[in-house]
């Protein structure tokens, strides 16, 4: 499966003439129940390596399975970062300096969300870097090893306290695949499944096809944004609660969304406690 992942990214590697060194150990017969989640983590880290490695650079991708844990190391010989930036690399919206951002584009929410995905899988992620020399990410994720291959991770069955459990039909309107996965995983912790709308148009259509108890609505989506979708849903006579999900957390944003008719506001990256508060307010 790791090779398939590299095949999917092959065009991006070739675009910058990057050399990829892949190695795996003890993974041949490994049963990965949560491959969708794990692959998204790998895609985010590899995508970052591609972005910040100059043409002709080298990226190494090492995967090994050891005592119930999948260990992954992804390294590049790209631009790297200083210690001050490294300390904040998993913070929301952390980007390199302005000159780097202009040249390569910022990391945005990518690494912050990646860390959330890893944490939800009860794993760990750590980065080391040298400016002008490159960056290394080390990821460790506990895996379930049985033939049933349920979507839950073995670590979810520990003695940790179980989050509140809710019932209800949830629609998540979100165009970003990583965010879709993250929200799905977070809702799963609360015993909730959800349907996904990839844009505002889909959200309006799906509202007419199924009765939902709550909509989690991203603001920035193609074809129709969250506010536009909300207005269309209200025009159709649906009064269910709609909660804004947005990376816009400037002063006044919450008031603006509430004024537009949103019932509540949850900033990205989504905090579990804030999500739980919304679920407690609108679901049983």
C-alpha atoms as a PDB file:
ATOM      1  CA  UNK A   1       0.000   0.000   0.000  1.00  0.00           C
ATOM      2  CA  UNK A   2       2.913   2.335   0.663  1.00  0.00           C
ATOM      3  CA  UNK A   3       4.110   1.751  -2.897  1.00  0.00           C
ATOM      4  CA  UNK A   4       0.617   2.607  -4.193  1.00  0.00           C
ATOM      5  CA  UNK A   5       0.780   5.851  -2.252  1.00  0.00           C
ATOM      6  CA  UNK A   6       4.102   6.752  -3.869  1.00  0.00           C
ATOM      7  CA  UNK A   7       2.638   5.927  -7.278  1.00  0.00           C
ATOM      8  CA  UNK A   8      -0.168   8.417  -6.605  1.00  0.00           C
ATOM      9  CA  UNK A   9       2.402  11.129  -5.849  1.00  0.00           C
ATOM     10  CA  UNK A  10       4.704  10.141  -8.720  1.00  0.00           C
ATOM     11  CA  UNK A  11       3.718  13.050 -10.976  1.00  0.00           C
ATOM     12  CA  UNK A  12       4.562  15.557  -8.234  1.00  0.00           C
ATOM     13  CA  UNK A  13       7.953  13.929  -7.660  1.00  0.00           C
ATOM     14  CA  UNK A  14       8.709  13.994 -11.386  1.00  0.00           C
ATOM     15  CA  UNK A  15       7.573  17.600 -11.723  1.00  0.00           C
ATOM     16  CA  UNK A  16      10.492  18.664  -9.504  1.00  0.00           C
ATOM     17  CA  UNK A  17      12.860  15.821 -10.532  1.00  0.00           C
ATOM     18  CA  UNK A  18      12.939  14.595  -6.938  1.00  0.00           C
ATOM     19  CA  UNK A  19      14.664  11.333  -6.053  1.00  0.00           C
ATOM     20  CA  UNK A  20      12.601   9.172  -3.689  1.00  0.00           C
ATOM     21  CA  UNK A  21      14.258   6.530  -1.531  1.00  0.00           C
ATOM     22  CA  UNK A  22      11.670   4.091  -0.150  1.00  0.00           C
ATOM     23  CA  UNK A  23      12.316   1.272   2.304  1.00  0.00           C
ATOM     24  CA  UNK A  24      10.047  -0.973   4.340  1.00  0.00           C
ATOM     25  CA  UNK A  25      10.710  -3.554   7.012  1.00  0.00           C
ATOM     26  CA  UNK A  26       8.436  -6.279   8.370  1.00  0.00           C
ATOM     27  CA  UNK A  27       5.378  -4.822   6.612  1.00  0.00           C
ATOM     28  CA  UNK A  28       4.669  -7.455   3.947  1.00  0.00           C
ATOM     29  CA  UNK A  29       1.895  -9.288   5.798  1.00  0.00           C
ATOM     30  CA  UNK A  30       0.844  -6.346   7.923  1.00  0.00           C
ATOM     31  CA  UNK A  31      -2.907  -5.786   8.128  1.00  0.00           C
ATOM     32  CA  UNK A  32      -3.687  -2.077   8.250  1.00  0.00           C
ATOM     33  CA  UNK A  33      -7.268  -1.421   9.273  1.00  0.00           C
ATOM     34  CA  UNK A  34      -6.980   2.355   9.148  1.00  0.00           C
ATOM     35  CA  UNK A  35      -5.139   2.773   5.865  1.00  0.00           C
ATOM     36  CA  UNK A  36      -7.302   5.726   4.753  1.00  0.00           C
ATOM     37  CA  UNK A  37      -6.359   7.671   7.861  1.00  0.00           C
ATOM     38  CA  UNK A  38      -2.709   6.667   7.784  1.00  0.00           C
ATOM     39  CA  UNK A  39      -2.326   7.399   4.076  1.00  0.00           C
ATOM     40  CA  UNK A  40      -3.709  10.904   4.597  1.00  0.00           C
ATOM     41  CA  UNK A  41      -1.059  11.526   7.250  1.00  0.00           C
ATOM     42  CA  UNK A  42       1.640  10.317   4.860  1.00  0.00           C
ATOM     43  CA  UNK A  43       0.255  12.421   1.995  1.00  0.00           C
ATOM     44  CA  UNK A  44       0.315  15.555   4.152  1.00  0.00           C
ATOM     45  CA  UNK A  45       3.909  15.026   5.298  1.00  0.00           C
ATOM     46  CA  UNK A  46       5.170  13.954   1.865  1.00  0.00           C
ATOM     47  CA  UNK A  47       3.336  16.890   0.293  1.00  0.00           C
ATOM     48  CA  UNK A  48       5.128  19.231   2.655  1.00  0.00           C
ATOM     49  CA  UNK A  49       8.467  17.606   1.786  1.00  0.00           C
ATOM     50  CA  UNK A  50       7.766  18.035  -1.931  1.00  0.00           C
ATOM     51  CA  UNK A  51       6.783  21.678  -1.453  1.00  0.00           C
ATOM     52  CA  UNK A  52       9.882  22.657   0.527  1.00  0.00           C
ATOM     53  CA  UNK A  53      12.478  20.640  -1.398  1.00  0.00           C
ATOM     54  CA  UNK A  54      14.102  22.269  -4.411  1.00  0.00           C
ATOM     55  CA  UNK A  55      14.247  20.650  -7.852  1.00  0.00           C
ATOM     56  CA  UNK A  56      16.541  17.626  -7.932  1.00  0.00           C
ATOM     57  CA  UNK A  57      16.338  17.082  -4.177  1.00  0.00           C
ATOM     58  CA  UNK A  58      15.994  13.837  -2.237  1.00  0.00           C
ATOM     59  CA  UNK A  59      13.093  12.550  -0.128  1.00  0.00           C
ATOM     60  CA  UNK A  60      13.354   9.346   1.897  1.00  0.00           C
ATOM     61  CA  UNK A  61      10.332   7.385   3.116  1.00  0.00           C
ATOM     62  CA  UNK A  62      11.020   4.590   5.594  1.00  0.00           C
ATOM     63  CA  UNK A  63       8.256   2.377   7.024  1.00  0.00           C
ATOM     64  CA  UNK A  64       8.697  -0.449   9.514  1.00  0.00           C
ATOM     65  CA  UNK A  65       6.341  -2.481  11.680  1.00  0.00           C
ATOM     66  CA  UNK A  66       7.524  -3.372  15.153  1.00  0.00           C
ATOM     67  CA  UNK A  67       5.658  -4.780  18.159  1.00  0.00           C
ATOM     68  CA  UNK A  68       2.213  -3.537  17.179  1.00  0.00           C
ATOM     69  CA  UNK A  69       3.340  -0.097  16.040  1.00  0.00           C
ATOM     70  CA  UNK A  70       3.886   1.340  12.573  1.00  0.00           C
ATOM     71  CA  UNK A  71       7.006   3.516  12.607  1.00  0.00           C
ATOM     72  CA  UNK A  72       7.505   5.933   9.722  1.00  0.00           C
ATOM     73  CA  UNK A  73      10.333   8.345   8.985  1.00  0.00           C
ATOM     74  CA  UNK A  74      10.013  10.905   6.184  1.00  0.00           C
ATOM     75  CA  UNK A  75      13.084  13.042   5.475  1.00  0.00           C
ATOM     76  CA  UNK A  76      14.046  15.613   2.870  1.00  0.00           C
ATOM     77  CA  UNK A  77      17.090  17.721   2.033  1.00  0.00           C
ATOM     78  CA  UNK A  78      14.973  20.815   1.476  1.00  0.00           C
ATOM     79  CA  UNK A  79      15.107  24.298   2.961  1.00  0.00           C
ATOM     80  CA  UNK A  80      14.674  23.151   6.568  1.00  0.00           C
ATOM     81  CA  UNK A  81      13.811  25.576   9.347  1.00  0.00           C
ATOM     82  CA  UNK A  82      15.307  27.232  12.413  1.00  0.00           C
ATOM     83  CA  UNK A  83      14.542  26.128  15.975  1.00  0.00           C
ATOM     84  CA  UNK A  84      12.047  28.927  16.570  1.00  0.00           C
ATOM     85  CA  UNK A  85       9.958  27.877  13.565  1.00  0.00           C
ATOM     86  CA  UNK A  86      10.353  24.186  14.430  1.00  0.00           C
ATOM     87  CA  UNK A  87       8.848  24.745  17.883  1.00  0.00           C
ATOM     88  CA  UNK A  88       5.683  26.121  16.280  1.00  0.00           C
ATOM     89  CA  UNK A  89       5.491  23.818  13.253  1.00  0.00           C
ATOM     90  CA  UNK A  90       2.319  22.036  14.443  1.00  0.00           C
ATOM     91  CA  UNK A  91       0.539  25.233  15.514  1.00  0.00           C
ATOM     92  CA  UNK A  92      -2.458  26.477  13.547  1.00  0.00           C
ATOM     93  CA  UNK A  93      -1.473  28.476  10.485  1.00  0.00           C
ATOM     94  CA  UNK A  94       2.240  28.344  11.230  1.00  0.00           C
ATOM     95  CA  UNK A  95       4.163  29.283   8.103  1.00  0.00           C
ATOM     96  CA  UNK A  96       7.758  29.963   7.248  1.00  0.00           C
ATOM     97  CA  UNK A  97       8.894  33.588   6.919  1.00  0.00           C
ATOM     98  CA  UNK A  98       7.321  35.794   4.273  1.00  0.00           C
ATOM     99  CA  UNK A  99      10.032  35.269   1.653  1.00  0.00           C
ATOM    100  CA  UNK A 100       9.691  31.501   2.016  1.00  0.00           C
ATOM    101  CA  UNK A 101       5.901  31.722   1.940  1.00  0.00           C
ATOM    102  CA  UNK A 102       6.031  33.681  -1.309  1.00  0.00           C
ATOM    103  CA  UNK A 103       8.417  31.183  -2.899  1.00  0.00           C
ATOM    104  CA  UNK A 104       6.961  27.900  -1.668  1.00  0.00           C
ATOM    105  CA  UNK A 105       3.503  28.685  -0.279  1.00  0.00           C
ATOM    106  CA  UNK A 106       2.623  28.344   3.400  1.00  0.00           C
ATOM    107  CA  UNK A 107       1.868  25.124   5.250  1.00  0.00           C
ATOM    108  CA  UNK A 108      -1.472  26.532   6.442  1.00  0.00           C
ATOM    109  CA  UNK A 109      -3.482  24.072   8.524  1.00  0.00           C
ATOM    110  CA  UNK A 110      -1.787  20.997   7.048  1.00  0.00           C
ATOM    111  CA  UNK A 111       0.633  20.049   9.817  1.00  0.00           C
ATOM    112  CA  UNK A 112      -1.711  21.111  12.604  1.00  0.00           C
ATOM    113  CA  UNK A 113      -4.412  18.817  11.221  1.00  0.00           C
ATOM    114  CA  UNK A 114      -1.860  16.060  10.631  1.00  0.00           C
ATOM    115  CA  UNK A 115      -0.945  16.158  14.314  1.00  0.00           C
ATOM    116  CA  UNK A 116      -4.644  15.965  15.221  1.00  0.00           C
ATOM    117  CA  UNK A 117      -5.070  12.904  12.988  1.00  0.00           C
ATOM    118  CA  UNK A 118      -2.072  11.212  14.602  1.00  0.00           C
ATOM    119  CA  UNK A 119      -3.332  12.061  18.099  1.00  0.00           C
ATOM    120  CA  UNK A 120      -6.798  10.668  17.340  1.00  0.00           C
ATOM    121  CA  UNK A 121      -5.082   7.411  16.387  1.00  0.00           C
ATOM    122  CA  UNK A 122      -3.248   7.502  19.748  1.00  0.00           C
ATOM    123  CA  UNK A 123       0.067   7.958  17.954  1.00  0.00           C
ATOM    124  CA  UNK A 124       2.924  10.433  18.110  1.00  0.00           C
ATOM    125  CA  UNK A 125       4.659  12.725  15.611  1.00  0.00           C
ATOM    126  CA  UNK A 126       7.965  14.521  16.035  1.00  0.00           C
ATOM    127  CA  UNK A 127       9.981  16.786  13.739  1.00  0.00           C
ATOM    128  CA  UNK A 128      13.663  17.698  13.614  1.00  0.00           C
ATOM    129  CA  UNK A 129      15.207  20.158  11.200  1.00  0.00           C
ATOM    130  CA  UNK A 130      18.311  22.109  10.215  1.00  0.00           C
ATOM    131  CA  UNK A 131      17.908  25.317   8.254  1.00  0.00           C
ATOM    132  CA  UNK A 132      19.141  24.908   4.649  1.00  0.00           C
ATOM    133  CA  UNK A 133      19.752  21.177   5.241  1.00  0.00           C
ATOM    134  CA  UNK A 134      16.347  19.549   5.524  1.00  0.00           C
ATOM    135  CA  UNK A 135      13.619  18.218   7.791  1.00  0.00           C
ATOM    136  CA  UNK A 136      12.733  14.817   9.250  1.00  0.00           C
ATOM    137  CA  UNK A 137       9.334  13.712  10.562  1.00  0.00           C
ATOM    138  CA  UNK A 138       9.048  10.610  12.759  1.00  0.00           C
ATOM    139  CA  UNK A 139       5.591   9.108  13.203  1.00  0.00           C
ATOM    140  CA  UNK A 140       4.542   6.166  15.396  1.00  0.00           C
ATOM    141  CA  UNK A 141       0.998   4.784  15.193  1.00  0.00           C
ATOM    142  CA  UNK A 142      -0.317   1.733  17.099  1.00  0.00           C
ATOM    143  CA  UNK A 143      -2.104  -0.679  14.771  1.00  0.00           C
ATOM    144  CA  UNK A 144      -4.858  -3.202  15.292  1.00  0.00           C
ATOM    145  CA  UNK A 145      -3.810  -6.638  14.053  1.00  0.00           C
ATOM    146  CA  UNK A 146      -6.792  -8.893  13.483  1.00  0.00           C
ATOM    147  CA  UNK A 147      -8.841 -10.220  10.606  1.00  0.00           C
ATOM    148  CA  UNK A 148     -11.973  -8.269  11.516  1.00  0.00           C
ATOM    149  CA  UNK A 149     -10.272  -4.993  10.618  1.00  0.00           C
ATOM    150  CA  UNK A 150     -12.815  -2.718  12.233  1.00  0.00           C
ATOM    151  CA  UNK A 151     -12.285   0.987  11.750  1.00  0.00           C
ATOM    152  CA  UNK A 152     -11.410   1.582  15.370  1.00  0.00           C
ATOM    153  CA  UNK A 153      -7.795   1.587  16.522  1.00  0.00           C
ATOM    154  CA  UNK A 154      -6.712  -0.819  19.242  1.00  0.00           C
ATOM    155  CA  UNK A 155      -5.761   2.153  21.401  1.00  0.00           C
ATOM    156  CA  UNK A 156      -9.396   3.230  21.423  1.00  0.00           C
ATOM    157  CA  UNK A 157     -10.109   0.175  23.549  1.00  0.00           C
ATOM    158  CA  UNK A 158      -7.860   1.211  26.412  1.00  0.00           C
ATOM    159  CA  UNK A 159      -9.077   2.169  29.863  1.00  0.00           C
ATOM    160  CA  UNK A 160      -9.167   5.860  28.927  1.00  0.00           C
ATOM    161  CA  UNK A 161     -12.474   7.541  29.697  1.00  0.00           C
ATOM    162  CA  UNK A 162     -14.976   7.260  26.865  1.00  0.00           C
ATOM    163  CA  UNK A 163     -16.250  10.569  25.461  1.00  0.00           C
ATOM    164  CA  UNK A 164     -19.936  11.399  25.699  1.00  0.00           C
ATOM    165  CA  UNK A 165     -22.008   9.446  23.192  1.00  0.00           C
ATOM    166  CA  UNK A 166     -24.660  11.088  21.017  1.00  0.00           C
ATOM    167  CA  UNK A 167     -27.231  10.045  18.441  1.00  0.00           C
ATOM    168  CA  UNK A 168     -28.427  11.884  15.362  1.00  0.00           C
ATOM    169  CA  UNK A 169     -27.924  12.350  11.635  1.00  0.00           C
ATOM    170  CA  UNK A 170     -25.031  14.682  10.837  1.00  0.00           C
ATOM    171  CA  UNK A 171     -24.188  16.353   7.542  1.00  0.00           C
ATOM    172  CA  UNK A 172     -20.649  17.688   7.174  1.00  0.00           C
ATOM    173  CA  UNK A 173     -20.200  20.197   4.341  1.00  0.00           C
ATOM    174  CA  UNK A 174     -16.449  20.373   3.703  1.00  0.00           C
ATOM    175  CA  UNK A 175     -14.398  20.254   0.500  1.00  0.00           C
ATOM    176  CA  UNK A 176     -10.973  19.422   1.961  1.00  0.00           C
ATOM    177  CA  UNK A 177     -10.348  15.653   2.107  1.00  0.00           C
ATOM    178  CA  UNK A 178      -8.090  15.848   5.163  1.00  0.00           C
ATOM    179  CA  UNK A 179     -10.637  17.912   7.063  1.00  0.00           C
ATOM    180  CA  UNK A 180     -13.394  15.486   6.028  1.00  0.00           C
ATOM    181  CA  UNK A 181     -11.389  12.620   7.480  1.00  0.00           C
ATOM    182  CA  UNK A 182     -10.522  14.484  10.665  1.00  0.00           C
ATOM    183  CA  UNK A 183     -14.124  15.523  11.355  1.00  0.00           C
ATOM    184  CA  UNK A 184     -15.356  11.989  10.608  1.00  0.00           C
ATOM    185  CA  UNK A 185     -12.847  10.587  13.110  1.00  0.00           C
ATOM    186  CA  UNK A 186     -13.793  13.151  15.757  1.00  0.00           C
ATOM    187  CA  UNK A 187     -17.501  12.433  15.365  1.00  0.00           C
ATOM    188  CA  UNK A 188     -16.794   8.702  15.533  1.00  0.00           C
ATOM    189  CA  UNK A 189     -15.332   9.258  19.016  1.00  0.00           C
ATOM    190  CA  UNK A 190     -18.787  10.482  20.050  1.00  0.00           C
ATOM    191  CA  UNK A 191     -20.599   7.539  18.479  1.00  0.00           C
ATOM    192  CA  UNK A 192     -21.727   9.523  15.442  1.00  0.00           C
ATOM    193  CA  UNK A 193     -21.518   8.722  11.750  1.00  0.00           C
ATOM    194  CA  UNK A 194     -21.891  11.477   9.168  1.00  0.00           C
ATOM    195  CA  UNK A 195     -22.591  12.140   5.506  1.00  0.00           C
ATOM    196  CA  UNK A 196     -20.198  14.341   3.522  1.00  0.00           C
ATOM    197  CA  UNK A 197     -21.116  17.141   1.124  1.00  0.00           C
ATOM    198  CA  UNK A 198     -18.160  18.363  -0.949  1.00  0.00           C
ATOM    199  CA  UNK A 199     -19.579  21.833  -1.533  1.00  0.00           C
ATOM    200  CA  UNK A 200     -22.547  24.052  -0.739  1.00  0.00           C
ATOM    201  CA  UNK A 201     -24.575  22.838  -3.708  1.00  0.00           C
ATOM    202  CA  UNK A 202     -24.286  19.227  -2.516  1.00  0.00           C
ATOM    203  CA  UNK A 203     -25.197  20.289   1.022  1.00  0.00           C
ATOM    204  CA  UNK A 204     -28.445  21.907  -0.156  1.00  0.00           C
ATOM    205  CA  UNK A 205     -29.325  18.879  -2.295  1.00  0.00           C
ATOM    206  CA  UNK A 206     -28.565  16.373   0.471  1.00  0.00           C
ATOM    207  CA  UNK A 207     -30.721  18.351   2.915  1.00  0.00           C
ATOM    208  CA  UNK A 208     -33.667  17.770   0.618  1.00  0.00           C
ATOM    209  CA  UNK A 209     -32.956  14.044   0.323  1.00  0.00           C
ATOM    210  CA  UNK A 210     -32.495  13.132   3.992  1.00  0.00           C
ATOM    211  CA  UNK A 211     -33.550  14.501   7.355  1.00  0.00           C
ATOM    212  CA  UNK A 212     -30.553  15.756   9.337  1.00  0.00           C
ATOM    213  CA  UNK A 213     -30.328  16.832  12.957  1.00  0.00           C
ATOM    214  CA  UNK A 214     -27.250  19.028  12.537  1.00  0.00           C
ATOM    215  CA  UNK A 215     -25.065  20.460   9.769  1.00  0.00           C
ATOM    216  CA  UNK A 216     -21.389  21.301  10.269  1.00  0.00           C
ATOM    217  CA  UNK A 217     -20.770  23.810   7.483  1.00  0.00           C
ATOM    218  CA  UNK A 218     -17.380  24.926   6.164  1.00  0.00           C
ATOM    219  CA  UNK A 219     -17.263  28.541   5.047  1.00  0.00           C
ATOM    220  CA  UNK A 220     -14.980  28.369   2.002  1.00  0.00           C
ATOM    221  CA  UNK A 221     -16.171  25.776  -0.517  1.00  0.00           C
ATOM    222  CA  UNK A 222     -16.311  25.692  -4.320  1.00  0.00           C
ATOM    223  CA  UNK A 223     -19.540  26.240  -6.295  1.00  0.00           C
ATOM    224  CA  UNK A 224     -21.381  27.622  -3.273  1.00  0.00           C
ATOM    225  CA  UNK A 225     -19.891  28.738   0.042  1.00  0.00           C
ATOM    226  CA  UNK A 226     -21.241  27.968   3.491  1.00  0.00           C
ATOM    227  CA  UNK A 227     -23.223  31.182   3.903  1.00  0.00           C
ATOM    228  CA  UNK A 228     -24.819  30.734   0.477  1.00  0.00           C
ATOM    229  CA  UNK A 229     -25.761  27.151   1.295  1.00  0.00           C
ATOM    230  CA  UNK A 230     -27.214  28.218   4.649  1.00  0.00           C
ATOM    231  CA  UNK A 231     -29.410  30.828   2.977  1.00  0.00           C
ATOM    232  CA  UNK A 232     -30.669  28.286   0.409  1.00  0.00           C
ATOM    233  CA  UNK A 233     -31.431  25.748   3.139  1.00  0.00           C
ATOM    234  CA  UNK A 234     -33.406  28.331   5.101  1.00  0.00           C
ATOM    235  CA  UNK A 235     -35.314  29.395   1.956  1.00  0.00           C
ATOM    236  CA  UNK A 236     -36.403  25.775   1.563  1.00  0.00           C
ATOM    237  CA  UNK A 237     -37.893  25.921   5.053  1.00  0.00           C
ATOM    238  CA  UNK A 238     -35.380  23.770   6.940  1.00  0.00           C
ATOM    239  CA  UNK A 239     -34.829  25.027  10.489  1.00  0.00           C
ATOM    240  CA  UNK A 240     -32.224  22.508  11.683  1.00  0.00           C
ATOM    241  CA  UNK A 241     -29.129  23.906  13.441  1.00  0.00           C
ATOM    242  CA  UNK A 242     -26.232  24.828  11.142  1.00  0.00           C
ATOM    243  CA  UNK A 243     -22.808  25.352  12.725  1.00  0.00           C
ATOM    244  CA  UNK A 244     -20.074  27.273  10.911  1.00  0.00           C
ATOM    245  CA  UNK A 245     -16.642  25.655  10.622  1.00  0.00           C
ATOM    246  CA  UNK A 246     -14.064  28.199   9.596  1.00  0.00           C
ATOM    247  CA  UNK A 247     -10.392  29.019   9.628  1.00  0.00           C
ATOM    248  CA  UNK A 248     -11.349  32.719   9.712  1.00  0.00           C
ATOM    249  CA  UNK A 249     -10.988  33.536  13.384  1.00  0.00           C
ATOM    250  CA  UNK A 250     -10.373  37.266  13.221  1.00  0.00           C
ATOM    251  CA  UNK A 251     -12.188  39.540  15.643  1.00  0.00           C
ATOM    252  CA  UNK A 252     -15.783  39.959  14.567  1.00  0.00           C
ATOM    253  CA  UNK A 253     -15.960  36.765  12.495  1.00  0.00           C
ATOM    254  CA  UNK A 254     -18.154  34.919  14.990  1.00  0.00           C
ATOM    255  CA  UNK A 255     -20.604  37.831  15.161  1.00  0.00           C
ATOM    256  CA  UNK A 256     -20.688  37.975  11.348  1.00  0.00           C
ATOM    257  CA  UNK A 257     -21.545  34.272  11.026  1.00  0.00           C
ATOM    258  CA  UNK A 258     -24.245  34.492  13.682  1.00  0.00           C
ATOM    259  CA  UNK A 259     -25.685  37.571  11.969  1.00  0.00           C
ATOM    260  CA  UNK A 260     -25.880  35.588   8.711  1.00  0.00           C
ATOM    261  CA  UNK A 261     -27.996  32.981  10.490  1.00  0.00           C
ATOM    262  CA  UNK A 262     -25.503  30.350  11.657  1.00  0.00           C
ATOM    263  CA  UNK A 263     -26.515  28.820  14.987  1.00  0.00           C
ATOM    264  CA  UNK A 264     -22.980  28.499  16.313  1.00  0.00           C
ATOM    265  CA  UNK A 265     -19.351  28.895  15.318  1.00  0.00           C
ATOM    266  CA  UNK A 266     -16.415  26.465  15.674  1.00  0.00           C
ATOM    267  CA  UNK A 267     -12.961  27.655  14.560  1.00  0.00           C
ATOM    268  CA  UNK A 268     -10.458  25.441  12.757  1.00  0.00           C
ATOM    269  CA  UNK A 269      -8.489  23.469  13.651  1.00  0.00           C
ATOM    270  CA  UNK A 270     -11.426  21.972  15.502  1.00  0.00           C
ATOM    271  CA  UNK A 271     -11.001  21.598  19.246  1.00  0.00           C
ATOM    272  CA  UNK A 272     -12.654  18.474  20.659  1.00  0.00           C
ATOM    273  CA  UNK A 273     -14.121  20.331  23.645  1.00  0.00           C
ATOM    274  CA  UNK A 274     -15.711  22.969  21.409  1.00  0.00           C
ATOM    275  CA  UNK A 275     -17.145  20.279  19.156  1.00  0.00           C
ATOM    276  CA  UNK A 276     -18.472  18.410  22.185  1.00  0.00           C
ATOM    277  CA  UNK A 277     -20.168  21.577  23.445  1.00  0.00           C
ATOM    278  CA  UNK A 278     -21.947  22.014  20.098  1.00  0.00           C
ATOM    279  CA  UNK A 279     -23.014  18.363  20.013  1.00  0.00           C
ATOM    280  CA  UNK A 280     -24.300  18.624  23.599  1.00  0.00           C
ATOM    281  CA  UNK A 281     -26.337  21.695  22.695  1.00  0.00           C
ATOM    282  CA  UNK A 282     -28.040  20.324  19.594  1.00  0.00           C
ATOM    283  CA  UNK A 283     -28.088  16.513  19.926  1.00  0.00           C
ATOM    284  CA  UNK A 284     -29.315  13.969  22.441  1.00  0.00           C
END
